[in-house]
Amino acid sequence: MQTEILTNEQYRDFSKNLIKAVEGRCRIVPINSLKKTGYTLNQPIYISIETDEDTVIASLDDIEAFAYADTEFEAINGLCDEIVTLYEELRENRNDLGILPEKWLGYLDSVITIHEKS
């Protein structure tokens, strides 16, 4: 009785094709700026870019932030806006956060420096 569905060669070919298909739709890229005056990243952050038919989704899984757009450029800009907005909201409510939002704030505090206006 045969227990294997694919031969070793078929498995290798299938694996290569699957990886190529996933890489074509989803990739991880670093960003070095939030593109907003007064906010500086202390280090690059790694975001996911996923293409789903005509929509590009940019996301930062560490804080469950994402943005949808027609182009990669617009999706990244939208994500940067979302990160800054979330960071501002978390900072304003620092004393009333649950466990998960508190972790998000800790992460954002570690990667973002705010330059106060003088």
Protein backbone atom coordinates (compact mmCIF):
# COMPACT_ATOMS: atom_id res chain seq x y z
CA MET A 1 0.00 0.00 0.00
CA GLN A 2 1.38 3.40 -1.05
CA THR A 3 1.49 6.02 1.74
CA GLU A 4 3.24 8.89 -0.06
CA ILE A 5 1.27 11.20 -2.31
CA LEU A 6 4.23 12.93 -3.97
CA THR A 7 7.66 11.75 -4.96
CA ASN A 8 10.63 13.67 -3.53
CA GLU A 9 11.09 15.44 -6.86
CA GLN A 10 7.40 16.38 -7.06
CA TYR A 11 7.54 17.66 -3.48
CA ARG A 12 10.58 19.85 -4.25
CA ASP A 13 8.89 21.28 -7.36
CA PHE A 14 5.65 21.89 -5.47
CA SER A 15 7.53 23.61 -2.63
CA LYS A 16 9.43 25.89 -5.02
CA ASN A 17 6.24 26.87 -6.85
CA LEU A 18 4.40 27.51 -3.60
CA ILE A 19 7.20 29.75 -2.29
CA LYS A 20 7.27 31.70 -5.56
CA ALA A 21 3.50 32.20 -5.42
CA VAL A 22 3.58 33.46 -1.82
CA GLU A 23 6.59 35.71 -2.42
CA GLY A 24 4.77 37.30 -5.33
CA ARG A 25 1.83 38.27 -3.11
CA CYS A 26 3.44 38.99 0.24
CA ARG A 27 6.79 40.36 1.33
CA ILE A 28 8.40 42.05 4.30
CA VAL A 29 10.12 45.41 3.85
CA PRO A 30 11.81 47.83 6.23
CA ILE A 31 10.68 51.43 6.58
CA ASN A 32 12.99 54.07 8.03
CA SER A 33 10.55 56.96 8.42
CA LEU A 34 6.97 57.56 9.48
CA LYS A 35 6.87 60.50 7.06
CA LYS A 36 5.49 62.84 9.72
CA THR A 37 7.27 65.88 11.12
CA GLY A 38 8.21 65.44 14.76
CA TYR A 39 8.34 61.63 14.67
CA THR A 40 11.60 59.76 14.11
CA LEU A 41 12.13 56.03 13.99
CA ASN A 42 15.07 54.92 16.15
CA GLN A 43 15.51 51.87 13.95
CA PRO A 44 13.88 50.47 10.85
CA ILE A 45 10.57 48.71 11.41
CA TYR A 46 9.55 45.79 9.27
CA ILE A 47 6.14 45.85 7.66
CA SER A 48 4.30 43.37 5.48
CA ILE A 49 3.14 44.29 1.99
CA GLU A 50 0.48 42.02 0.56
CA THR A 51 -1.18 42.26 -2.83
CA ASP A 52 -4.71 40.94 -3.15
CA GLU A 53 -5.94 41.40 -6.72
CA ASP A 54 -6.17 45.22 -7.11
CA THR A 55 -5.60 46.09 -3.45
CA VAL A 56 -2.33 46.56 -1.59
CA ILE A 57 -2.33 45.95 2.16
CA ALA A 58 0.48 47.32 4.33
CA SER A 59 0.59 46.06 7.91
CA LEU A 60 2.64 46.18 11.08
CA ASP A 61 1.70 43.00 12.88
CA ASP A 62 3.47 44.00 16.12
CA ILE A 63 0.66 46.48 16.82
CA GLU A 64 -2.07 45.09 14.55
CA ALA A 65 -2.06 48.22 12.36
CA PHE A 66 -2.82 48.12 8.65
CA ALA A 67 -3.82 50.22 5.65
CA TYR A 68 -5.42 49.39 2.30
CA ALA A 69 -4.78 51.28 -0.94
CA ASP A 70 -4.52 50.98 -4.70
CA THR A 71 -0.72 51.31 -4.73
CA GLU A 72 2.11 50.22 -2.48
CA PHE A 73 3.18 53.84 -1.95
CA GLU A 74 -0.31 54.86 -0.78
CA ALA A 75 -0.62 51.79 1.47
CA ILE A 76 2.71 52.52 3.17
CA ASN A 77 1.79 56.18 3.67
CA GLY A 78 -1.58 55.13 5.09
CA LEU A 79 0.12 52.71 7.46
CA CYS A 80 2.52 55.41 8.65
CA ASP A 81 -0.48 57.66 9.39
CA GLU A 82 -2.19 54.81 11.21
CA ILE A 83 0.90 54.13 13.34
CA VAL A 84 1.23 57.78 14.35
CA THR A 85 -2.50 58.07 15.14
CA LEU A 86 -2.45 54.91 17.23
CA TYR A 87 0.70 56.03 19.05
CA GLU A 88 -0.86 59.41 19.90
CA GLU A 89 -4.04 57.73 21.20
CA LEU A 90 -2.08 55.22 23.30
CA ARG A 91 0.10 57.97 24.78
CA GLU A 92 -2.97 60.04 25.69
CA ASN A 93 -4.58 57.08 27.46
CA ARG A 94 -1.38 55.62 28.93
CA ASN A 95 -2.94 55.07 32.38
CA ASP A 96 -6.09 53.33 31.13
CA LEU A 97 -4.69 50.70 28.75
CA GLY A 98 -5.34 47.00 28.74
CA ILE A 99 -2.59 44.41 28.49
CA LEU A 100 -2.32 44.31 24.70
CA PRO A 101 -2.48 48.08 24.05
CA GLU A 102 0.08 48.52 26.84
CA LYS A 103 2.43 46.17 24.96
CA TRP A 104 1.83 48.10 21.73
CA LEU A 105 2.71 51.34 23.51
CA GLY A 106 5.87 49.80 24.92
CA TYR A 107 6.90 48.69 21.44
CA LEU A 108 6.13 52.08 19.90
CA ASP A 109 7.95 53.90 22.71
CA SER A 110 11.02 51.80 21.91
CA VAL A 111 11.05 52.55 18.18
CA ILE A 112 9.73 56.14 17.97
CA THR A 113 11.21 59.40 19.25
CA ILE A 114 8.93 62.42 19.36
CA HIS A 115 10.51 65.82 18.84
CA GLU A 116 8.36 68.33 20.69
CA LYS A 117 7.80 71.66 18.97
CA SER A 118 9.70 74.53 20.56
